[in-house]
Amino acid sequence: MKVEYHLDVLKPHQPSIDSLARTLEKLDGVKMVEIRVEEIDQKTTSITIIIAGTGSISIDEITETLEVNNCALHSVDRVLVENWK
């Protein structure tokens, strides 16, 4: 089963998007992480994160990882679940 999340996230300038992507990629079931910068303000960066992988991906674990990295999940903008049997 393939699962994909598109997330709207607000983060401080640190950690870098590279570091955040590598941290998220280590979560159980995650096979791909893409982060796009949407807007940069004086103290924060608005980003879109796409996370794809297997059905074992946990949105709760993703949210917890974002919070540990001082990021705020604004919204889950898209969820894709594919199960081609």
PDB file of N, CA and C in Angstrom:
ATOM      1  N   MET A   1       0.840  -1.172   0.000  1.00  0.00           N
ATOM      2  CA  MET A   1       0.000   0.000   0.000  1.00  0.00           C
ATOM      3  C   MET A   1       0.889   1.241   0.000  1.00  0.00           C
ATOM      4  N   LYS A   2       0.586   2.180  -0.881  1.00  0.00           N
ATOM      5  CA  LYS A   2       1.305   3.443  -0.943  1.00  0.00           C
ATOM      6  C   LYS A   2       0.485   4.515  -0.226  1.00  0.00           C
ATOM      7  N   VAL A   3       1.179   5.324   0.595  1.00  0.00           N
ATOM      8  CA  VAL A   3       0.540   6.433   1.303  1.00  0.00           C
ATOM      9  C   VAL A   3       1.359   7.686   1.037  1.00  0.00           C
ATOM     10  N   GLU A   4       0.659   8.793   0.796  1.00  0.00           N
ATOM     11  CA  GLU A   4       1.341  10.062   0.546  1.00  0.00           C
ATOM     12  C   GLU A   4       0.595  11.186   1.251  1.00  0.00           C
ATOM     13  N   TYR A   5       1.359  12.032   1.946  1.00  0.00           N
ATOM     14  CA  TYR A   5       0.798  13.189   2.642  1.00  0.00           C
ATOM     15  C   TYR A   5       1.398  14.470   2.066  1.00  0.00           C
ATOM     16  N   HIS A   6       0.557  15.484   1.877  1.00  0.00           N
ATOM     17  CA  HIS A   6       1.009  16.822   1.510  1.00  0.00           C
ATOM     18  C   HIS A   6       0.668  17.725   2.697  1.00  0.00           C
ATOM     19  N   LEU A   7       1.703  18.318   3.299  1.00  0.00           N
ATOM     20  CA  LEU A   7       1.545  19.058   4.548  1.00  0.00           C
ATOM     21  C   LEU A   7       1.946  20.518   4.385  1.00  0.00           C
ATOM     22  N   ASP A   8       1.174  21.410   4.972  1.00  0.00           N
ATOM     23  CA  ASP A   8       1.507  22.829   5.044  1.00  0.00           C
ATOM     24  C   ASP A   8       2.107  23.064   6.428  1.00  0.00           C
ATOM     25  N   VAL A   9       3.364  23.504   6.474  1.00  0.00           N
ATOM     26  CA  VAL A   9       4.107  23.580   7.731  1.00  0.00           C
ATOM     27  C   VAL A   9       4.785  24.938   7.859  1.00  0.00           C
ATOM     28  N   LEU A  10       4.815  25.451   9.083  1.00  0.00           N
ATOM     29  CA  LEU A  10       5.561  26.666   9.410  1.00  0.00           C
ATOM     30  C   LEU A  10       6.740  26.246  10.268  1.00  0.00           C
ATOM     31  N   LYS A  11       7.950  26.673   9.872  1.00  0.00           N
ATOM     32  CA  LYS A  11       9.140  26.288  10.630  1.00  0.00           C
ATOM     33  C   LYS A  11      10.033  27.501  10.851  1.00  0.00           C
ATOM     34  N   PRO A  12      10.829  27.474  11.918  1.00  0.00           N
ATOM     35  CA  PRO A  12      11.844  28.512  12.087  1.00  0.00           C
ATOM     36  C   PRO A  12      12.928  28.292  11.023  1.00  0.00           C
ATOM     37  N   HIS A  13      13.835  29.263  10.868  1.00  0.00           N
ATOM     38  CA  HIS A  13      14.883  29.120   9.852  1.00  0.00           C
ATOM     39  C   HIS A  13      15.794  27.920  10.124  1.00  0.00           C
ATOM     40  N   GLN A  14      15.916  27.508  11.366  1.00  0.00           N
ATOM     41  CA  GLN A  14      16.676  26.307  11.728  1.00  0.00           C
ATOM     42  C   GLN A  14      15.733  25.336  12.414  1.00  0.00           C
ATOM     43  N   PRO A  15      15.738  24.076  12.078  1.00  0.00           N
ATOM     44  CA  PRO A  15      16.697  23.384  11.248  1.00  0.00           C
ATOM     45  C   PRO A  15      16.500  23.707   9.766  1.00  0.00           C
ATOM     46  N   SER A  16      17.522  23.430   8.970  1.00  0.00           N
ATOM     47  CA  SER A  16      17.430  23.625   7.528  1.00  0.00           C
ATOM     48  C   SER A  16      16.437  22.617   6.945  1.00  0.00           C
ATOM     49  N   ILE A  17      15.958  22.900   5.734  1.00  0.00           N
ATOM     50  CA  ILE A  17      15.030  21.949   5.112  1.00  0.00           C
ATOM     51  C   ILE A  17      15.733  20.628   4.806  1.00  0.00           C
ATOM     52  N   ASP A  18      17.028  20.677   4.524  1.00  0.00           N
ATOM     53  CA  ASP A  18      17.795  19.456   4.286  1.00  0.00           C
ATOM     54  C   ASP A  18      17.808  18.576   5.534  1.00  0.00           C
ATOM     55  N   SER A  19      18.107  19.185   6.657  1.00  0.00           N
ATOM     56  CA  SER A  19      18.150  18.448   7.921  1.00  0.00           C
ATOM     57  C   SER A  19      16.771  17.892   8.276  1.00  0.00           C
ATOM     58  N   LEU A  20      15.737  18.701   8.097  1.00  0.00           N
ATOM     59  CA  LEU A  20      14.379  18.262   8.408  1.00  0.00           C
ATOM     60  C   LEU A  20      13.968  17.098   7.500  1.00  0.00           C
ATOM     61  N   ALA A  21      14.281  17.182   6.216  1.00  0.00           N
ATOM     62  CA  ALA A  21      13.943  16.103   5.275  1.00  0.00           C
ATOM     63  C   ALA A  21      14.629  14.801   5.678  1.00  0.00           C
ATOM     64  N   ARG A  22      15.897  14.885   6.053  1.00  0.00           N
ATOM     65  CA  ARG A  22      16.641  13.680   6.451  1.00  0.00           C
ATOM     66  C   ARG A  22      16.088  13.079   7.747  1.00  0.00           C
ATOM     67  N   THR A  23      15.620  13.938   8.646  1.00  0.00           N
ATOM     68  CA  THR A  23      15.006  13.456   9.894  1.00  0.00           C
ATOM     69  C   THR A  23      13.689  12.745   9.597  1.00  0.00           C
ATOM     70  N   LEU A  24      12.846  13.345   8.755  1.00  0.00           N
ATOM     71  CA  LEU A  24      11.557  12.733   8.418  1.00  0.00           C
ATOM     72  C   LEU A  24      11.739  11.430   7.640  1.00  0.00           C
ATOM     73  N   GLU A  25      12.780  11.353   6.815  1.00  0.00           N
ATOM     74  CA  GLU A  25      13.019  10.160   6.003  1.00  0.00           C
ATOM     75  C   GLU A  25      13.330   8.946   6.870  1.00  0.00           C
ATOM     76  N   LYS A  26      13.801   9.167   8.080  1.00  0.00           N
ATOM     77  CA  LYS A  26      14.148   8.072   8.981  1.00  0.00           C
ATOM     78  C   LYS A  26      12.928   7.437   9.656  1.00  0.00           C
ATOM     79  N   LEU A  27      11.752   8.070   9.542  1.00  0.00           N
ATOM     80  CA  LEU A  27      10.553   7.518  10.174  1.00  0.00           C
ATOM     81  C   LEU A  27      10.141   6.215   9.506  1.00  0.00           C
ATOM     82  N   ASP A  28       9.511   5.337  10.284  1.00  0.00           N
ATOM     83  CA  ASP A  28       9.077   4.037   9.811  1.00  0.00           C
ATOM     84  C   ASP A  28       8.153   4.169   8.605  1.00  0.00           C
ATOM     85  N   GLY A  29       8.493   3.481   7.531  1.00  0.00           N
ATOM     86  CA  GLY A  29       7.650   3.439   6.342  1.00  0.00           C
ATOM     87  C   GLY A  29       7.908   4.544   5.332  1.00  0.00           C
ATOM     88  N   VAL A  30       8.664   5.563   5.693  1.00  0.00           N
ATOM     89  CA  VAL A  30       8.896   6.696   4.788  1.00  0.00           C
ATOM     90  C   VAL A  30       9.937   6.304   3.740  1.00  0.00           C
ATOM     91  N   LYS A  31       9.586   6.514   2.473  1.00  0.00           N
ATOM     92  CA  LYS A  31      10.492   6.205   1.360  1.00  0.00           C
ATOM     93  C   LYS A  31      10.937   7.477   0.635  1.00  0.00           C
ATOM     94  N   MET A  32      10.169   8.579   0.747  1.00  0.00           N
ATOM     95  CA  MET A  32      10.483   9.797   0.019  1.00  0.00           C
ATOM     96  C   MET A  32       9.984  11.007   0.800  1.00  0.00           C
ATOM     97  N   VAL A  33      10.819  12.048   0.859  1.00  0.00           N
ATOM     98  CA  VAL A  33      10.433  13.319   1.470  1.00  0.00           C
ATOM     99  C   VAL A  33      10.823  14.423   0.494  1.00  0.00           C
ATOM    100  N   GLU A  34       9.884  15.294   0.180  1.00  0.00           N
ATOM    101  CA  GLU A  34      10.151  16.477  -0.636  1.00  0.00           C
ATOM    102  C   GLU A  34       9.697  17.694   0.156  1.00  0.00           C
ATOM    103  N   ILE A  35      10.555  18.714   0.234  1.00  0.00           N
ATOM    104  CA  ILE A  35      10.201  19.952   0.923  1.00  0.00           C
ATOM    105  C   ILE A  35      10.393  21.105  -0.042  1.00  0.00           C
ATOM    106  N   ARG A  36       9.351  21.923  -0.178  1.00  0.00           N
ATOM    107  CA  ARG A  36       9.412  23.124  -1.013  1.00  0.00           C
ATOM    108  C   ARG A  36       9.199  24.352  -0.142  1.00  0.00           C
ATOM    109  N   VAL A  37      10.040  25.354  -0.313  1.00  0.00           N
ATOM    110  CA  VAL A  37       9.876  26.619   0.404  1.00  0.00           C
ATOM    111  C   VAL A  37       8.825  27.435  -0.338  1.00  0.00           C
ATOM    112  N   GLU A  38       7.821  27.885   0.400  1.00  0.00           N
ATOM    113  CA  GLU A  38       6.755  28.689  -0.190  1.00  0.00           C
ATOM    114  C   GLU A  38       6.959  30.181   0.085  1.00  0.00           C
ATOM    115  N   GLU A  39       7.432  30.489   1.301  1.00  0.00           N
ATOM    116  CA  GLU A  39       7.607  31.890   1.686  1.00  0.00           C
ATOM    117  C   GLU A  39       8.591  31.974   2.849  1.00  0.00           C
ATOM    118  N   ILE A  40       9.427  32.998   2.820  1.00  0.00           N
ATOM    119  CA  ILE A  40      10.382  33.226   3.901  1.00  0.00           C
ATOM    120  C   ILE A  40      10.076  34.581   4.530  1.00  0.00           C
ATOM    121  N   ASP A  41       9.851  34.571   5.846  1.00  0.00           N
ATOM    122  CA  ASP A  41       9.637  35.794   6.607  1.00  0.00           C
ATOM    123  C   ASP A  41      10.881  36.056   7.448  1.00  0.00           C
ATOM    124  N   GLN A  42      10.813  37.080   8.268  1.00  0.00           N
ATOM    125  CA  GLN A  42      11.970  37.456   9.078  1.00  0.00           C
ATOM    126  C   GLN A  42      12.396  36.335  10.028  1.00  0.00           C
ATOM    127  N   LYS A  43      11.425  35.630  10.635  1.00  0.00           N
ATOM    128  CA  LYS A  43      11.752  34.613  11.634  1.00  0.00           C
ATOM    129  C   LYS A  43      11.332  33.200  11.252  1.00  0.00           C
ATOM    130  N   THR A  44      10.491  33.064  10.236  1.00  0.00           N
ATOM    131  CA  THR A  44       9.956  31.746   9.902  1.00  0.00           C
ATOM    132  C   THR A  44      10.000  31.486   8.399  1.00  0.00           C
ATOM    133  N   THR A  45       9.797  30.226   8.062  1.00  0.00           N
ATOM    134  CA  THR A  45       9.709  29.790   6.673  1.00  0.00           C
ATOM    135  C   THR A  45       8.454  28.941   6.522  1.00  0.00           C
ATOM    136  N   SER A  46       7.628  29.261   5.537  1.00  0.00           N
ATOM    137  CA  SER A  46       6.462  28.441   5.209  1.00  0.00           C
ATOM    138  C   SER A  46       6.893  27.425   4.169  1.00  0.00           C
ATOM    139  N   ILE A  47       6.611  26.148   4.447  1.00  0.00           N
ATOM    140  CA  ILE A  47       7.048  25.082   3.553  1.00  0.00           C
ATOM    141  C   ILE A  47       5.901  24.113   3.271  1.00  0.00           C
ATOM    142  N   THR A  48       6.023  23.434   2.149  1.00  0.00           N
ATOM    143  CA  THR A  48       5.151  22.315   1.820  1.00  0.00           C
ATOM    144  C   THR A  48       6.000  21.056   1.875  1.00  0.00           C
ATOM    145  N   ILE A  49       5.518  20.067   2.613  1.00  0.00           N
ATOM    146  CA  ILE A  49       6.234  18.800   2.732  1.00  0.00           C
ATOM    147  C   ILE A  49       5.385  17.705   2.105  1.00  0.00           C
ATOM    148  N   ILE A  50       6.000  16.927   1.231  1.00  0.00           N
ATOM    149  CA  ILE A  50       5.357  15.738   0.673  1.00  0.00           C
ATOM    150  C   ILE A  50       6.114  14.533   1.217  1.00  0.00           C
ATOM    151  N   ILE A  51       5.386  13.649   1.868  1.00  0.00           N
ATOM    152  CA  ILE A  51       5.974  12.437   2.438  1.00  0.00           C
ATOM    153  C   ILE A  51       5.248  11.244   1.832  1.00  0.00           C
ATOM    154  N   ALA A  52       6.016  10.322   1.271  1.00  0.00           N
ATOM    155  CA  ALA A  52       5.422   9.132   0.650  1.00  0.00           C
ATOM    156  C   ALA A  52       6.127   7.883   1.157  1.00  0.00           C
ATOM    157  N   GLY A  53       5.365   6.809   1.179  1.00  0.00           N
ATOM    158  CA  GLY A  53       5.935   5.534   1.612  1.00  0.00           C
ATOM    159  C   GLY A  53       4.875   4.473   1.722  1.00  0.00           C
ATOM    160  N   THR A  54       5.093   3.583   2.667  1.00  0.00           N
ATOM    161  CA  THR A  54       4.195   2.440   2.849  1.00  0.00           C
ATOM    162  C   THR A  54       3.094   2.771   3.851  1.00  0.00           C
ATOM    163  N   GLY A  55       2.166   1.849   3.985  1.00  0.00           N
ATOM    164  CA  GLY A  55       1.034   2.037   4.884  1.00  0.00           C
ATOM    165  C   GLY A  55       1.394   2.171   6.343  1.00  0.00           C
ATOM    166  N   SER A  56       2.641   1.917   6.703  1.00  0.00           N
ATOM    167  CA  SER A  56       3.027   2.028   8.111  1.00  0.00           C
ATOM    168  C   SER A  56       3.374   3.458   8.523  1.00  0.00           C
ATOM    169  N   ILE A  57       3.306   4.414   7.572  1.00  0.00           N
ATOM    170  CA  ILE A  57       3.561   5.814   7.918  1.00  0.00           C
ATOM    171  C   ILE A  57       2.479   6.281   8.890  1.00  0.00           C
ATOM    172  N   SER A  58       2.902   6.968   9.954  1.00  0.00           N
ATOM    173  CA  SER A  58       1.969   7.466  10.961  1.00  0.00           C
ATOM    174  C   SER A  58       1.956   8.986  10.947  1.00  0.00           C
ATOM    175  N   ILE A  59       0.783   9.581  10.699  1.00  0.00           N
ATOM    176  CA  ILE A  59       0.677  11.041  10.718  1.00  0.00           C
ATOM    177  C   ILE A  59       0.977  11.571  12.117  1.00  0.00           C
ATOM    178  N   ASP A  60       0.660  10.786  13.149  1.00  0.00           N
ATOM    179  CA  ASP A  60       0.975  11.200  14.524  1.00  0.00           C
ATOM    180  C   ASP A  60       2.482  11.269  14.742  1.00  0.00           C
ATOM    181  N   GLU A  61       3.215  10.293  14.205  1.00  0.00           N
ATOM    182  CA  GLU A  61       4.673  10.286  14.325  1.00  0.00           C
ATOM    183  C   GLU A  61       5.287  11.439  13.527  1.00  0.00           C
ATOM    184  N   ILE A  62       4.718  11.730  12.363  1.00  0.00           N
ATOM    185  CA  ILE A  62       5.184  12.865  11.567  1.00  0.00           C
ATOM    186  C   ILE A  62       4.969  14.161  12.342  1.00  0.00           C
ATOM    187  N   THR A  63       3.779  14.339  12.903  1.00  0.00           N
ATOM    188  CA  THR A  63       3.460  15.546  13.663  1.00  0.00           C
ATOM    189  C   THR A  63       4.391  15.697  14.858  1.00  0.00           C
ATOM    190  N   GLU A  64       4.635  14.610  15.569  1.00  0.00           N
ATOM    191  CA  GLU A  64       5.532  14.644  16.728  1.00  0.00           C
ATOM    192  C   GLU A  64       6.951  15.038  16.311  1.00  0.00           C
ATOM    193  N   THR A  65       7.417  14.490  15.207  1.00  0.00           N
ATOM    194  CA  THR A  65       8.757  14.815  14.711  1.00  0.00           C
ATOM    195  C   THR A  65       8.848  16.286  14.324  1.00  0.00           C
ATOM    196  N   LEU A  66       7.799  16.806  13.694  1.00  0.00           N
ATOM    197  CA  LEU A  66       7.783  18.232  13.345  1.00  0.00           C
ATOM    198  C   LEU A  66       7.841  19.093  14.604  1.00  0.00           C
ATOM    199  N   GLU A  67       7.049  18.735  15.611  1.00  0.00           N
ATOM    200  CA  GLU A  67       7.025  19.509  16.857  1.00  0.00           C
ATOM    201  C   GLU A  67       8.377  19.484  17.563  1.00  0.00           C
ATOM    202  N   VAL A  68       9.048  18.340  17.593  1.00  0.00           N
ATOM    203  CA  VAL A  68      10.373  18.230  18.207  1.00  0.00           C
ATOM    204  C   VAL A  68      11.363  19.165  17.500  1.00  0.00           C
ATOM    205  N   ASN A  69      11.132  19.398  16.206  1.00  0.00           N
ATOM    206  CA  ASN A  69      11.996  20.277  15.422  1.00  0.00           C
ATOM    207  C   ASN A  69      11.456  21.703  15.342  1.00  0.00           C
ATOM    208  N   ASN A  70      10.572  22.058  16.292  1.00  0.00           N
ATOM    209  CA  ASN A  70      10.007  23.412  16.414  1.00  0.00           C
ATOM    210  C   ASN A  70       9.205  23.853  15.202  1.00  0.00           C
ATOM    211  N   CYS A  71       8.593  22.904  14.515  1.00  0.00           N
ATOM    212  CA  CYS A  71       7.757  23.188  13.349  1.00  0.00           C
ATOM    213  C   CYS A  71       6.290  23.015  13.735  1.00  0.00           C
ATOM    214  N   ALA A  72       5.432  23.792  13.073  1.00  0.00           N
ATOM    215  CA  ALA A  72       3.994  23.706  13.340  1.00  0.00           C
ATOM    216  C   ALA A  72       3.269  23.214  12.091  1.00  0.00           C
ATOM    217  N   LEU A  73       2.525  22.123  12.237  1.00  0.00           N
ATOM    218  CA  LEU A  73       1.715  21.607  11.136  1.00  0.00           C
ATOM    219  C   LEU A  73       0.460  22.464  11.036  1.00  0.00           C
ATOM    220  N   HIS A  74       0.334  23.233   9.938  1.00  0.00           N
ATOM    221  CA  HIS A  74      -0.860  24.062   9.739  1.00  0.00           C
ATOM    222  C   HIS A  74      -2.028  23.238   9.232  1.00  0.00           C
ATOM    223  N   SER A  75      -1.744  22.377   8.234  1.00  0.00           N
ATOM    224  CA  SER A  75      -2.827  21.579   7.681  1.00  0.00           C
ATOM    225  C   SER A  75      -2.283  20.394   6.895  1.00  0.00           C
ATOM    226  N   VAL A  76      -3.127  19.376   6.790  1.00  0.00           N
ATOM    227  CA  VAL A  76      -2.871  18.257   5.888  1.00  0.00           C
ATOM    228  C   VAL A  76      -3.696  18.567   4.647  1.00  0.00           C
ATOM    229  N   ASP A  77      -3.020  18.956   3.562  1.00  0.00           N
ATOM    230  CA  ASP A  77      -3.714  19.445   2.372  1.00  0.00           C
ATOM    231  C   ASP A  77      -4.129  18.347   1.406  1.00  0.00           C
ATOM    232  N   ARG A  78      -3.464  17.193   1.495  1.00  0.00           N
ATOM    233  CA  ARG A  78      -3.812  16.095   0.582  1.00  0.00           C
ATOM    234  C   ARG A  78      -3.331  14.790   1.190  1.00  0.00           C
ATOM    235  N   VAL A  79      -4.134  13.758   1.031  1.00  0.00           N
ATOM    236  CA  VAL A  79      -3.743  12.407   1.434  1.00  0.00           C
ATOM    237  C   VAL A  79      -4.064  11.483   0.275  1.00  0.00           C
ATOM    238  N   LEU A  80      -3.096  10.670  -0.088  1.00  0.00           N
ATOM    239  CA  LEU A  80      -3.287   9.682  -1.139  1.00  0.00           C
ATOM    240  C   LEU A  80      -3.011   8.311  -0.550  1.00  0.00           C
ATOM    241  N   VAL A  81      -3.942   7.395  -0.727  1.00  0.00           N
ATOM    242  CA  VAL A  81      -3.752   6.007  -0.302  1.00  0.00           C
ATOM    243  C   VAL A  81      -4.060   5.142  -1.527  1.00  0.00           C
ATOM    244  N   GLU A  82      -3.072   4.361  -1.958  1.00  0.00           N
ATOM    245  CA  GLU A  82      -3.243   3.477  -3.105  1.00  0.00           C
ATOM    246  C   GLU A  82      -3.033   2.040  -2.665  1.00  0.00           C
ATOM    247  N   ASN A  83      -3.928   1.186  -3.053  1.00  0.00           N
ATOM    248  CA  ASN A  83      -3.802  -0.231  -2.741  1.00  0.00           C
ATOM    249  C   ASN A  83      -4.263  -1.010  -3.953  1.00  0.00           C
ATOM    250  N   TRP A  84      -3.330  -1.269  -4.849  1.00  0.00           N
ATOM    251  CA  TRP A  84      -3.641  -1.995  -6.094  1.00  0.00           C
ATOM    252  C   TRP A  84      -3.438  -3.487  -5.869  1.00  0.00           C
ATOM    253  N   LYS A  85      -4.529  -4.192  -5.713  1.00  0.00           N
ATOM    254  CA  LYS A  85      -4.448  -5.648  -5.502  1.00  0.00           C
ATOM    255  C   LYS A  85      -4.668  -6.382  -6.780  1.00  0.00           C
TER     256      LYS A  85
END
